[in-house]
PDB file of N, CA and C in Angstrom:
ATOM      1  N   MET A   1      48.328  40.797  82.724  1.00  0.00           N
ATOM      2  CA  MET A   1      47.704  39.494  82.890  1.00  0.00           C
ATOM      3  C   MET A   1      46.600  39.539  83.937  1.00  0.00           C
ATOM      4  N   THR A   2      46.829  40.237  85.053  1.00  0.00           N
ATOM      5  CA  THR A   2      45.823  40.344  86.100  1.00  0.00           C
ATOM      6  C   THR A   2      44.567  41.022  85.570  1.00  0.00           C
ATOM      7  N   ALA A   3      44.726  42.070  84.745  1.00  0.00           N
ATOM      8  CA  ALA A   3      43.572  42.775  84.180  1.00  0.00           C
ATOM      9  C   ALA A   3      42.762  41.856  83.277  1.00  0.00           C
ATOM     10  N   VAL A   4      43.428  41.016  82.515  1.00  0.00           N
ATOM     11  CA  VAL A   4      42.723  40.084  81.635  1.00  0.00           C
ATOM     12  C   VAL A   4      41.922  39.084  82.463  1.00  0.00           C
ATOM     13  N   LEU A   5      42.520  38.533  83.497  1.00  0.00           N
ATOM     14  CA  LEU A   5      41.812  37.586  84.356  1.00  0.00           C
ATOM     15  C   LEU A   5      40.638  38.242  85.051  1.00  0.00           C
ATOM     16  N   LEU A   6      40.813  39.469  85.526  1.00  0.00           N
ATOM     17  CA  LEU A   6      39.741  40.190  86.191  1.00  0.00           C
ATOM     18  C   LEU A   6      38.584  40.433  85.233  1.00  0.00           C
ATOM     19  N   SER A   7      38.872  40.814  83.998  1.00  0.00           N
ATOM     20  CA  SER A   7      37.795  41.068  83.036  1.00  0.00           C
ATOM     21  C   SER A   7      37.051  39.776  82.691  1.00  0.00           C
ATOM     22  N   LEU A   8      37.742  38.645  82.641  1.00  0.00           N
ATOM     23  CA  LEU A   8      37.083  37.366  82.381  1.00  0.00           C
ATOM     24  C   LEU A   8      36.169  36.969  83.538  1.00  0.00           C
ATOM     25  N   VAL A   9      36.591  37.248  84.760  1.00  0.00           N
ATOM     26  CA  VAL A   9      35.775  36.931  85.923  1.00  0.00           C
ATOM     27  C   VAL A   9      34.530  37.812  85.953  1.00  0.00           C
ATOM     28  N   MET A  10      34.651  39.077  85.558  1.00  0.00           N
ATOM     29  CA  MET A  10      33.537  40.014  85.599  1.00  0.00           C
ATOM     30  C   MET A  10      32.536  39.772  84.465  1.00  0.00           C
ATOM     31  N   MET A  11      32.951  39.120  83.377  1.00  0.00           N
ATOM     32  CA  MET A  11      32.054  38.865  82.259  1.00  0.00           C
ATOM     33  C   MET A  11      31.018  37.836  82.685  1.00  0.00           C
ATOM     34  N   ALA A  12      29.750  38.184  82.526  1.00  0.00           N
ATOM     35  CA  ALA A  12      28.677  37.285  82.922  1.00  0.00           C
ATOM     36  C   ALA A  12      28.125  36.573  81.697  1.00  0.00           C
ATOM     37  N   ALA A  13      27.947  35.279  81.813  1.00  0.00           N
ATOM     38  CA  ALA A  13      27.317  34.534  80.726  1.00  0.00           C
ATOM     39  C   ALA A  13      25.811  34.696  80.854  1.00  0.00           C
ATOM     40  N   LEU A  14      25.136  34.699  79.732  1.00  0.00           N
ATOM     41  CA  LEU A  14      23.674  34.798  79.750  1.00  0.00           C
ATOM     42  C   LEU A  14      23.076  33.481  80.205  1.00  0.00           C
ATOM     43  N   GLU A  15      22.102  33.566  81.075  1.00  0.00           N
ATOM     44  CA  GLU A  15      21.450  32.382  81.622  1.00  0.00           C
ATOM     45  C   GLU A  15      19.998  32.334  81.169  1.00  0.00           C
ATOM     46  N   PRO A  16      19.459  31.134  80.926  1.00  0.00           N
ATOM     47  CA  PRO A  16      18.036  31.021  80.625  1.00  0.00           C
ATOM     48  C   PRO A  16      17.214  31.514  81.810  1.00  0.00           C
ATOM     49  N   GLY A  17      16.027  31.993  81.529  1.00  0.00           N
ATOM     50  CA  GLY A  17      15.149  32.434  82.604  1.00  0.00           C
ATOM     51  C   GLY A  17      14.332  33.647  82.218  1.00  0.00           C
ATOM     52  N   ALA A  18      13.508  34.096  83.169  1.00  0.00           N
ATOM     53  CA  ALA A  18      12.654  35.264  82.964  1.00  0.00           C
ATOM     54  C   ALA A  18      13.363  36.507  83.485  1.00  0.00           C
ATOM     55  N   TYR A  19      13.288  37.569  82.713  1.00  0.00           N
ATOM     56  CA  TYR A  19      13.891  38.855  83.057  1.00  0.00           C
ATOM     57  C   TYR A  19      12.831  39.938  82.939  1.00  0.00           C
ATOM     58  N   LYS A  20      12.810  40.845  83.911  1.00  0.00           N
ATOM     59  CA  LYS A  20      11.834  41.940  83.912  1.00  0.00           C
ATOM     60  C   LYS A  20      12.557  43.255  84.128  1.00  0.00           C
ATOM     61  N   GLY A  21      12.061  44.297  83.451  1.00  0.00           N
ATOM     62  CA  GLY A  21      12.682  45.599  83.622  1.00  0.00           C
ATOM     63  C   GLY A  21      11.934  46.669  82.860  1.00  0.00           C
ATOM     64  N   LYS A  22      12.690  47.628  82.346  1.00  0.00           N
ATOM     65  CA  LYS A  22      12.123  48.819  81.703  1.00  0.00           C
ATOM     66  C   LYS A  22      12.855  49.145  80.414  1.00  0.00           C
ATOM     67  N   TRP A  23      12.153  49.843  79.525  1.00  0.00           N
ATOM     68  CA  TRP A  23      12.759  50.445  78.347  1.00  0.00           C
ATOM     69  C   TRP A  23      12.509  51.945  78.428  1.00  0.00           C
ATOM     70  N   GLN A  24      13.421  52.725  77.863  1.00  0.00           N
ATOM     71  CA  GLN A  24      13.328  54.186  77.884  1.00  0.00           C
ATOM     72  C   GLN A  24      13.699  54.705  76.508  1.00  0.00           C
ATOM     73  N   GLY A  25      12.739  55.333  75.827  1.00  0.00           N
ATOM     74  CA  GLY A  25      12.998  55.884  74.506  1.00  0.00           C
ATOM     75  C   GLY A  25      13.701  57.226  74.587  1.00  0.00           C
ATOM     76  N   ASP A  26      14.484  57.546  73.567  1.00  0.00           N
ATOM     77  CA  ASP A  26      15.155  58.843  73.496  1.00  0.00           C
ATOM     78  C   ASP A  26      14.154  59.994  73.468  1.00  0.00           C
ATOM     79  N   ASN A  27      12.903  59.697  73.065  1.00  0.00           N
ATOM     80  CA  ASN A  27      11.868  60.720  72.978  1.00  0.00           C
ATOM     81  C   ASN A  27      11.112  60.910  74.297  1.00  0.00           C
ATOM     82  N   GLY A  28      11.502  60.186  75.345  1.00  0.00           N
ATOM     83  CA  GLY A  28      10.856  60.311  76.642  1.00  0.00           C
ATOM     84  C   GLY A  28       9.833  59.225  76.933  1.00  0.00           C
ATOM     85  N   ASP A  29       9.404  58.460  75.918  1.00  0.00           N
ATOM     86  CA  ASP A  29       8.485  57.345  76.152  1.00  0.00           C
ATOM     87  C   ASP A  29       9.199  56.264  76.954  1.00  0.00           C
ATOM     88  N   SER A  30       8.432  55.491  77.721  1.00  0.00           N
ATOM     89  CA  SER A  30       9.019  54.394  78.494  1.00  0.00           C
ATOM     90  C   SER A  30       7.943  53.368  78.804  1.00  0.00           C
ATOM     91  N   GLY A  31       8.379  52.218  79.291  1.00  0.00           N
ATOM     92  CA  GLY A  31       7.438  51.168  79.666  1.00  0.00           C
ATOM     93  C   GLY A  31       8.152  49.976  80.247  1.00  0.00           C
ATOM     94  N   ASP A  32       7.364  48.962  80.557  1.00  0.00           N
ATOM     95  CA  ASP A  32       7.899  47.711  81.093  1.00  0.00           C
ATOM     96  C   ASP A  32       8.424  46.850  79.944  1.00  0.00           C
ATOM     97  N   LEU A  33       9.373  45.987  80.264  1.00  0.00           N
ATOM     98  CA  LEU A  33       9.951  45.057  79.293  1.00  0.00           C
ATOM     99  C   LEU A  33      10.121  43.704  79.963  1.00  0.00           C
ATOM    100  N   ASN A  34       9.614  42.651  79.304  1.00  0.00           N
ATOM    101  CA  ASN A  34       9.746  41.284  79.808  1.00  0.00           C
ATOM    102  C   ASN A  34      10.398  40.417  78.738  1.00  0.00           C
ATOM    103  N   ILE A  35      11.468  39.754  79.105  1.00  0.00           N
ATOM    104  CA  ILE A  35      12.185  38.859  78.198  1.00  0.00           C
ATOM    105  C   ILE A  35      12.344  37.511  78.893  1.00  0.00           C
ATOM    106  N   THR A  36      11.980  36.450  78.189  1.00  0.00           N
ATOM    107  CA  THR A  36      12.234  35.107  78.702  1.00  0.00           C
ATOM    108  C   THR A  36      13.165  34.405  77.723  1.00  0.00           C
ATOM    109  N   LEU A  37      14.301  33.938  78.229  1.00  0.00           N
ATOM    110  CA  LEU A  37      15.279  33.209  77.424  1.00  0.00           C
ATOM    111  C   LEU A  37      15.211  31.727  77.766  1.00  0.00           C
ATOM    112  N   ALA A  38      15.264  30.892  76.739  1.00  0.00           N
ATOM    113  CA  ALA A  38      15.253  29.440  76.949  1.00  0.00           C
ATOM    114  C   ALA A  38      16.325  28.810  76.068  1.00  0.00           C
ATOM    115  N   LYS A  39      16.973  27.778  76.586  1.00  0.00           N
ATOM    116  CA  LYS A  39      17.960  27.030  75.800  1.00  0.00           C
ATOM    117  C   LYS A  39      17.248  26.256  74.703  1.00  0.00           C
ATOM    118  N   ALA A  40      17.875  26.202  73.547  1.00  0.00           N
ATOM    119  CA  ALA A  40      17.351  25.428  72.416  1.00  0.00           C
ATOM    120  C   ALA A  40      18.471  24.527  71.915  1.00  0.00           C
ATOM    121  N   ASP A  41      18.157  23.674  70.954  1.00  0.00           N
ATOM    122  CA  ASP A  41      19.174  22.780  70.398  1.00  0.00           C
ATOM    123  C   ASP A  41      20.392  23.546  69.904  1.00  0.00           C
ATOM    124  N   LYS A  42      20.135  24.665  69.248  1.00  0.00           N
ATOM    125  CA  LYS A  42      21.238  25.473  68.701  1.00  0.00           C
ATOM    126  C   LYS A  42      21.151  26.885  69.241  1.00  0.00           C
ATOM    127  N   GLY A  43      21.471  27.069  70.508  1.00  0.00           N
ATOM    128  CA  GLY A  43      21.485  28.408  71.089  1.00  0.00           C
ATOM    129  C   GLY A  43      20.320  28.667  72.014  1.00  0.00           C
ATOM    130  N   PHE A  44      19.624  29.786  71.782  1.00  0.00           N
ATOM    131  CA  PHE A  44      18.542  30.231  72.648  1.00  0.00           C
ATOM    132  C   PHE A  44      17.302  30.577  71.831  1.00  0.00           C
ATOM    133  N   THR A  45      16.159  30.534  72.500  1.00  0.00           N
ATOM    134  CA  THR A  45      14.931  31.123  71.990  1.00  0.00           C
ATOM    135  C   THR A  45      14.515  32.200  72.983  1.00  0.00           C
ATOM    136  N   ALA A  46      13.609  33.077  72.565  1.00  0.00           N
ATOM    137  CA  ALA A  46      13.166  34.140  73.460  1.00  0.00           C
ATOM    138  C   ALA A  46      11.712  34.481  73.201  1.00  0.00           C
ATOM    139  N   THR A  47      11.057  34.953  74.241  1.00  0.00           N
ATOM    140  CA  THR A  47       9.763  35.601  74.117  1.00  0.00           C
ATOM    141  C   THR A  47       9.929  37.000  74.698  1.00  0.00           C
ATOM    142  N   VAL A  48       9.263  37.965  74.068  1.00  0.00           N
ATOM    143  CA  VAL A  48       9.395  39.364  74.493  1.00  0.00           C
ATOM    144  C   VAL A  48       8.021  40.016  74.506  1.00  0.00           C
ATOM    145  N   SER A  49       7.742  40.756  75.564  1.00  0.00           N
ATOM    146  CA  SER A  49       6.567  41.621  75.611  1.00  0.00           C
ATOM    147  C   SER A  49       6.990  42.927  76.276  1.00  0.00           C
ATOM    148  N   PHE A  50       6.248  43.985  75.953  1.00  0.00           N
ATOM    149  CA  PHE A  50       6.551  45.290  76.534  1.00  0.00           C
ATOM    150  C   PHE A  50       5.266  46.097  76.614  1.00  0.00           C
ATOM    151  N   THR A  51       5.298  47.150  77.416  1.00  0.00           N
ATOM    152  CA  THR A  51       4.146  48.038  77.487  1.00  0.00           C
ATOM    153  C   THR A  51       4.519  49.378  76.874  1.00  0.00           C
ATOM    154  N   THR A  52       3.518  49.987  76.252  1.00  0.00           N
ATOM    155  CA  THR A  52       3.669  51.341  75.724  1.00  0.00           C
ATOM    156  C   THR A  52       2.303  52.004  75.828  1.00  0.00           C
ATOM    157  N   GLY A  53       2.256  53.173  76.417  1.00  0.00           N
ATOM    158  CA  GLY A  53       0.985  53.861  76.609  1.00  0.00           C
ATOM    159  C   GLY A  53      -0.010  53.053  77.415  1.00  0.00           C
ATOM    160  N   GLY A  54       0.475  52.227  78.335  1.00  0.00           N
ATOM    161  CA  GLY A  54      -0.390  51.403  79.168  1.00  0.00           C
ATOM    162  C   GLY A  54      -0.892  50.128  78.513  1.00  0.00           C
ATOM    163  N   GLU A  55      -0.532  49.901  77.263  1.00  0.00           N
ATOM    164  CA  GLU A  55      -0.960  48.699  76.533  1.00  0.00           C
ATOM    165  C   GLU A  55       0.176  47.689  76.467  1.00  0.00           C
ATOM    166  N   GLU A  56      -0.137  46.403  76.667  1.00  0.00           N
ATOM    167  CA  GLU A  56       0.880  45.356  76.519  1.00  0.00           C
ATOM    168  C   GLU A  56       0.965  44.933  75.057  1.00  0.00           C
ATOM    169  N   VAL A  57       2.200  44.834  74.564  1.00  0.00           N
ATOM    170  CA  VAL A  57       2.461  44.402  73.193  1.00  0.00           C
ATOM    171  C   VAL A  57       3.283  43.121  73.263  1.00  0.00           C
ATOM    172  N   LYS A  58       2.805  42.063  72.600  1.00  0.00           N
ATOM    173  CA  LYS A  58       3.558  40.807  72.528  1.00  0.00           C
ATOM    174  C   LYS A  58       4.253  40.761  71.176  1.00  0.00           C
ATOM    175  N   ALA A  59       5.561  40.658  71.211  1.00  0.00           N
ATOM    176  CA  ALA A  59       6.363  40.672  69.988  1.00  0.00           C
ATOM    177  C   ALA A  59       6.528  39.261  69.434  1.00  0.00           C
ATOM    178  N   GLN A  60       6.762  39.181  68.138  1.00  0.00           N
ATOM    179  CA  GLN A  60       7.114  37.923  67.475  1.00  0.00           C
ATOM    180  C   GLN A  60       8.630  37.935  67.288  1.00  0.00           C
ATOM    181  N   VAL A  61       9.336  37.115  68.035  1.00  0.00           N
ATOM    182  CA  VAL A  61      10.795  37.077  67.950  1.00  0.00           C
ATOM    183  C   VAL A  61      11.194  36.322  66.688  1.00  0.00           C
ATOM    184  N   THR A  62      12.033  36.954  65.868  1.00  0.00           N
ATOM    185  CA  THR A  62      12.467  36.334  64.615  1.00  0.00           C
ATOM    186  C   THR A  62      13.910  35.847  64.682  1.00  0.00           C
ATOM    187  N   SER A  63      14.682  36.341  65.654  1.00  0.00           N
ATOM    188  CA  SER A  63      16.094  35.941  65.742  1.00  0.00           C
ATOM    189  C   SER A  63      16.615  36.205  67.148  1.00  0.00           C
ATOM    190  N   VAL A  64      17.414  35.256  67.648  1.00  0.00           N
ATOM    191  CA  VAL A  64      18.092  35.407  68.942  1.00  0.00           C
ATOM    192  C   VAL A  64      19.538  34.987  68.750  1.00  0.00           C
ATOM    193  N   LYS A  65      20.457  35.863  69.120  1.00  0.00           N
ATOM    194  CA  LYS A  65      21.875  35.539  69.034  1.00  0.00           C
ATOM    195  C   LYS A  65      22.522  35.812  70.388  1.00  0.00           C
ATOM    196  N   VAL A  66      23.191  34.794  70.920  1.00  0.00           N
ATOM    197  CA  VAL A  66      23.905  34.910  72.186  1.00  0.00           C
ATOM    198  C   VAL A  66      25.352  34.519  71.958  1.00  0.00           C
ATOM    199  N   VAL A  67      26.250  35.423  72.304  1.00  0.00           N
ATOM    200  CA  VAL A  67      27.677  35.146  72.243  1.00  0.00           C
ATOM    201  C   VAL A  67      28.266  35.601  73.580  1.00  0.00           C
ATOM    202  N   ASP A  68      28.667  34.619  74.385  1.00  0.00           N
ATOM    203  CA  ASP A  68      29.191  34.881  75.732  1.00  0.00           C
ATOM    204  C   ASP A  68      28.175  35.716  76.514  1.00  0.00           C
ATOM    205  N   SER A  69      28.508  36.959  76.831  1.00  0.00           N
ATOM    206  CA  SER A  69      27.623  37.808  77.630  1.00  0.00           C
ATOM    207  C   SER A  69      26.769  38.737  76.778  1.00  0.00           C
ATOM    208  N   LYS A  70      26.863  38.639  75.455  1.00  0.00           N
ATOM    209  CA  LYS A  70      26.145  39.562  74.570  1.00  0.00           C
ATOM    210  C   LYS A  70      24.900  38.910  73.979  1.00  0.00           C
ATOM    211  N   LEU A  71      23.848  39.719  73.867  1.00  0.00           N
ATOM    212  CA  LEU A  71      22.547  39.253  73.392  1.00  0.00           C
ATOM    213  C   LEU A  71      22.027  40.191  72.307  1.00  0.00           C
ATOM    214  N   THR A  72      21.525  39.618  71.217  1.00  0.00           N
ATOM    215  CA  THR A  72      20.824  40.379  70.192  1.00  0.00           C
ATOM    216  C   THR A  72      19.508  39.676  69.904  1.00  0.00           C
ATOM    217  N   ILE A  73      18.411  40.421  70.034  1.00  0.00           N
ATOM    218  CA  ILE A  73      17.079  39.902  69.719  1.00  0.00           C
ATOM    219  C   ILE A  73      16.485  40.774  68.618  1.00  0.00           C
ATOM    220  N   VAL A  74      15.983  40.140  67.563  1.00  0.00           N
ATOM    221  CA  VAL A  74      15.247  40.844  66.512  1.00  0.00           C
ATOM    222  C   VAL A  74      13.809  40.373  66.608  1.00  0.00           C
ATOM    223  N   MET A  75      12.882  41.341  66.583  1.00  0.00           N
ATOM    224  CA  MET A  75      11.470  41.004  66.757  1.00  0.00           C
ATOM    225  C   MET A  75      10.594  41.931  65.941  1.00  0.00           C
ATOM    226  N   THR A  76       9.383  41.485  65.656  1.00  0.00           N
ATOM    227  CA  THR A  76       8.391  42.322  64.990  1.00  0.00           C
ATOM    228  C   THR A  76       7.189  42.455  65.914  1.00  0.00           C
ATOM    229  N   PHE A  77       6.456  43.551  65.723  1.00  0.00           N
ATOM    230  CA  PHE A  77       5.244  43.767  66.506  1.00  0.00           C
ATOM    231  C   PHE A  77       4.345  44.743  65.760  1.00  0.00           C
ATOM    232  N   GLU A  78       3.058  44.690  66.115  1.00  0.00           N
ATOM    233  CA  GLU A  78       2.076  45.575  65.495  1.00  0.00           C
ATOM    234  C   GLU A  78       1.434  46.443  66.556  1.00  0.00           C
ATOM    235  N   MET A  79       1.253  47.706  66.200  1.00  0.00           N
ATOM    236  CA  MET A  79       0.541  48.655  67.047  1.00  0.00           C
ATOM    237  C   MET A  79      -0.429  49.396  66.142  1.00  0.00           C
ATOM    238  N   GLY A  80      -1.725  49.131  66.319  1.00  0.00           N
ATOM    239  CA  GLY A  80      -2.714  49.702  65.420  1.00  0.00           C
ATOM    240  C   GLY A  80      -2.525  49.130  64.028  1.00  0.00           C
ATOM    241  N   ASP A  81      -2.437  50.011  63.045  1.00  0.00           N
ATOM    242  CA  ASP A  81      -2.242  49.589  61.657  1.00  0.00           C
ATOM    243  C   ASP A  81      -0.775  49.539  61.269  1.00  0.00           C
ATOM    244  N   SER A  82       0.112  49.823  62.224  1.00  0.00           N
ATOM    245  CA  SER A  82       1.541  49.931  61.923  1.00  0.00           C
ATOM    246  C   SER A  82       2.298  48.681  62.374  1.00  0.00           C
ATOM    247  N   LYS A  83       3.207  48.203  61.514  1.00  0.00           N
ATOM    248  CA  LYS A  83       4.074  47.077  61.854  1.00  0.00           C
ATOM    249  C   LYS A  83       5.498  47.595  61.975  1.00  0.00           C
ATOM    250  N   SER A  84       6.214  47.128  62.983  1.00  0.00           N
ATOM    251  CA  SER A  84       7.596  47.546  63.213  1.00  0.00           C
ATOM    252  C   SER A  84       8.488  46.340  63.450  1.00  0.00           C
ATOM    253  N   GLU A  85       9.771  46.542  63.207  1.00  0.00           N
ATOM    254  CA  GLU A  85      10.795  45.553  63.535  1.00  0.00           C
ATOM    255  C   GLU A  85      11.783  46.228  64.468  1.00  0.00           C
ATOM    256  N   ALA A  86      12.090  45.577  65.579  1.00  0.00           N
ATOM    257  CA  ALA A  86      13.016  46.144  66.565  1.00  0.00           C
ATOM    258  C   ALA A  86      14.186  45.208  66.788  1.00  0.00           C
ATOM    259  N   THR A  87      15.332  45.807  67.056  1.00  0.00           N
ATOM    260  CA  THR A  87      16.529  45.061  67.423  1.00  0.00           C
ATOM    261  C   THR A  87      16.963  45.514  68.809  1.00  0.00           C
ATOM    262  N   LEU A  88      17.103  44.558  69.721  1.00  0.00           N
ATOM    263  CA  LEU A  88      17.608  44.821  71.061  1.00  0.00           C
ATOM    264  C   LEU A  88      19.012  44.250  71.140  1.00  0.00           C
ATOM    265  N   ASP A  89      19.980  45.094  71.422  1.00  0.00           N
ATOM    266  CA  ASP A  89      21.361  44.666  71.637  1.00  0.00           C
ATOM    267  C   ASP A  89      21.696  44.911  73.090  1.00  0.00           C
ATOM    268  N   GLY A  90      22.216  43.887  73.778  1.00  0.00           N
ATOM    269  CA  GLY A  90      22.521  44.059  75.187  1.00  0.00           C
ATOM    270  C   GLY A  90      23.663  43.195  75.642  1.00  0.00           C
ATOM    271  N   GLU A  91      24.021  43.403  76.902  1.00  0.00           N
ATOM    272  CA  GLU A  91      25.111  42.638  77.503  1.00  0.00           C
ATOM    273  C   GLU A  91      24.765  42.340  78.950  1.00  0.00           C
ATOM    274  N   ALA A  92      25.040  41.108  79.378  1.00  0.00           N
ATOM    275  CA  ALA A  92      24.792  40.694  80.754  1.00  0.00           C
ATOM    276  C   ALA A  92      25.867  41.268  81.662  1.00  0.00           C
ATOM    277  N   LYS A  93      25.395  41.784  82.794  1.00  0.00           N
ATOM    278  CA  LYS A  93      26.286  42.293  83.845  1.00  0.00           C
ATOM    279  C   LYS A  93      25.725  41.766  85.152  1.00  0.00           C
ATOM    280  N   GLY A  94      26.252  40.629  85.592  1.00  0.00           N
ATOM    281  CA  GLY A  94      25.680  39.960  86.755  1.00  0.00           C
ATOM    282  C   GLY A  94      24.325  39.385  86.395  1.00  0.00           C
ATOM    283  N   SER A  95      23.282  39.679  87.192  1.00  0.00           N
ATOM    284  CA  SER A  95      21.934  39.168  86.904  1.00  0.00           C
ATOM    285  C   SER A  95      21.113  40.170  86.086  1.00  0.00           C
ATOM    286  N   THR A  96      21.769  41.210  85.567  1.00  0.00           N
ATOM    287  CA  THR A  96      21.110  42.238  84.764  1.00  0.00           C
ATOM    288  C   THR A  96      21.605  42.169  83.327  1.00  0.00           C
ATOM    289  N   ILE A  97      20.694  42.425  82.387  1.00  0.00           N
ATOM    290  CA  ILE A  97      21.062  42.582  80.982  1.00  0.00           C
ATOM    291  C   ILE A  97      20.627  43.983  80.589  1.00  0.00           C
ATOM    292  N   GLU A  98      21.518  44.751  79.994  1.00  0.00           N
ATOM    293  CA  GLU A  98      21.154  46.110  79.591  1.00  0.00           C
ATOM    294  C   GLU A  98      21.755  46.431  78.240  1.00  0.00           C
ATOM    295  N   GLY A  99      21.102  47.359  77.543  1.00  0.00           N
ATOM    296  CA  GLY A  99      21.608  47.714  76.228  1.00  0.00           C
ATOM    297  C   GLY A  99      20.775  48.779  75.554  1.00  0.00           C
ATOM    298  N   LYS A 100      20.821  48.775  74.220  1.00  0.00           N
ATOM    299  CA  LYS A 100      20.127  49.758  73.398  1.00  0.00           C
ATOM    300  C   LYS A 100      19.183  49.041  72.447  1.00  0.00           C
ATOM    301  N   TYR A 101      18.180  49.791  71.982  1.00  0.00           N
ATOM    302  CA  TYR A 101      17.264  49.238  70.993  1.00  0.00           C
ATOM    303  C   TYR A 101      16.994  50.275  69.918  1.00  0.00           C
ATOM    304  N   VAL A 102      16.570  49.798  68.770  1.00  0.00           N
ATOM    305  CA  VAL A 102      16.054  50.654  67.701  1.00  0.00           C
ATOM    306  C   VAL A 102      14.907  49.906  67.039  1.00  0.00           C
ATOM    307  N   SER A 103      13.804  50.608  66.814  1.00  0.00           N
ATOM    308  CA  SER A 103      12.691  50.009  66.085  1.00  0.00           C
ATOM    309  C   SER A 103      12.486  50.789  64.797  1.00  0.00           C
ATOM    310  N   ARG A 104      12.166  50.051  63.741  1.00  0.00           N
ATOM    311  CA  ARG A 104      11.964  50.643  62.413  1.00  0.00           C
ATOM    312  C   ARG A 104      10.588  50.250  61.902  1.00  0.00           C
ATOM    313  N   ILE A 105       9.945  51.198  61.245  1.00  0.00           N
ATOM    314  CA  ILE A 105       8.634  50.962  60.660  1.00  0.00           C
ATOM    315  C   ILE A 105       8.807  50.112  59.410  1.00  0.00           C
ATOM    316  N   VAL A 106       7.957  49.079  59.279  1.00  0.00           N
ATOM    317  CA  VAL A 106       7.991  48.192  58.117  1.00  0.00           C
ATOM    318  C   VAL A 106       6.892  48.651  57.160  1.00  0.00           C
ATOM    319  N   PRO A 107       7.121  48.833  55.901  1.00  0.00           N
ATOM    320  CA  PRO A 107       8.312  48.460  55.141  1.00  0.00           C
ATOM    321  C   PRO A 107       9.281  49.616  54.886  1.00  0.00           C
ATOM    322  N   SER A 108       8.977  50.841  55.367  1.00  0.00           N
ATOM    323  CA  SER A 108       9.786  52.007  55.005  1.00  0.00           C
ATOM    324  C   SER A 108      11.201  51.978  55.582  1.00  0.00           C
ATOM    325  N   GLY A 109      11.387  51.337  56.748  1.00  0.00           N
ATOM    326  CA  GLY A 109      12.691  51.322  57.396  1.00  0.00           C
ATOM    327  C   GLY A 109      12.961  52.569  58.221  1.00  0.00           C
ATOM    328  N   GLU A 110      11.997  53.476  58.263  1.00  0.00           N
ATOM    329  CA  GLU A 110      12.138  54.710  59.036  1.00  0.00           C
ATOM    330  C   GLU A 110      12.199  54.370  60.528  1.00  0.00           C
ATOM    331  N   VAL A 111      13.121  55.031  61.252  1.00  0.00           N
ATOM    332  CA  VAL A 111      13.243  54.792  62.687  1.00  0.00           C
ATOM    333  C   VAL A 111      11.989  55.295  63.384  1.00  0.00           C
ATOM    334  N   GLY A 112      11.347  54.398  64.117  1.00  0.00           N
ATOM    335  CA  GLY A 112      10.161  54.761  64.880  1.00  0.00           C
ATOM    336  C   GLY A 112      10.493  55.140  66.304  1.00  0.00           C
ATOM    337  N   SER A 113      11.466  54.455  66.889  1.00  0.00           N
ATOM    338  CA  SER A 113      11.858  54.703  68.269  1.00  0.00           C
ATOM    339  C   SER A 113      13.247  54.112  68.495  1.00  0.00           C
ATOM    340  N   GLN A 114      13.975  54.714  69.409  1.00  0.00           N
ATOM    341  CA  GLN A 114      15.265  54.159  69.830  1.00  0.00           C
ATOM    342  C   GLN A 114      15.536  54.606  71.246  1.00  0.00           C
ATOM    343  N   GLY A 115      16.370  53.848  71.940  1.00  0.00           N
ATOM    344  CA  GLY A 115      16.660  54.196  73.322  1.00  0.00           C
ATOM    345  C   GLY A 115      17.425  53.093  74.023  1.00  0.00           C
ATOM    346  N   THR A 116      17.193  52.972  75.329  1.00  0.00           N
ATOM    347  CA  THR A 116      17.919  52.012  76.155  1.00  0.00           C
ATOM    348  C   THR A 116      16.927  51.094  76.861  1.00  0.00           C
ATOM    349  N   TRP A 117      17.452  49.976  77.356  1.00  0.00           N
ATOM    350  CA  TRP A 117      16.638  49.039  78.117  1.00  0.00           C
ATOM    351  C   TRP A 117      17.497  48.329  79.138  1.00  0.00           C
ATOM    352  N   SER A 118      16.843  47.827  80.198  1.00  0.00           N
ATOM    353  CA  SER A 118      17.531  47.086  81.244  1.00  0.00           C
ATOM    354  C   SER A 118      16.533  46.123  81.889  1.00  0.00           C
ATOM    355  N   VAL A 119      16.946  44.872  82.033  1.00  0.00           N
ATOM    356  CA  VAL A 119      16.120  43.859  82.694  1.00  0.00           C
ATOM    357  C   VAL A 119      16.979  43.096  83.691  1.00  0.00           C
ATOM    358  N   SER A 120      16.337  42.608  84.732  1.00  0.00           N
ATOM    359  CA  SER A 120      17.020  41.793  85.739  1.00  0.00           C
ATOM    360  C   SER A 120      16.293  40.478  85.891  1.00  0.00           C
ATOM    361  N   ALA A 121      17.006  39.467  86.362  1.00  0.00           N
ATOM    362  CA  ALA A 121      16.410  38.150  86.573  1.00  0.00           C
ATOM    363  C   ALA A 121      15.204  38.294  87.490  1.00  0.00           C
ATOM    364  N   ALA A 122      14.057  37.748  87.057  1.00  0.00           N
ATOM    365  CA  ALA A 122      12.822  37.821  87.846  1.00  0.00           C
ATOM    366  C   ALA A 122      12.955  36.925  89.065  1.00  0.00           C
ATOM    367  N   LYS A 123      12.363  37.359  90.145  1.00  0.00           N
ATOM    368  CA  LYS A 123      12.454  36.589  91.387  1.00  0.00           C
ATOM    369  C   LYS A 123      11.154  35.930  91.688  1.00  0.00           C
TER     370      LYS A 123
END
């Protein structure tokens, strides 16, 4: 019983606000990551931007799912002539949200990049 109570206390709920951090691809690529979460009538909305190769990319968020401390964002973005869809899955741990991502090239579905990400509440 004590372990169950302790795990409930340690579980962090996702809070609206701006989060800033980094993403790291399995291939060694990395960059900045900015996520802003806002409360909506039915759940949350999000805006996402990231840098790659020194360029800022603004994503079009197509889906946001929040369940307790878990977050899933699906987004599309274009780089040059290529369009991709990425899914970010993460979990809140205190004021930090961290997780994994995978991006797929549209329309082939081929994995373009995958790795990890971590953001903290902006100050």
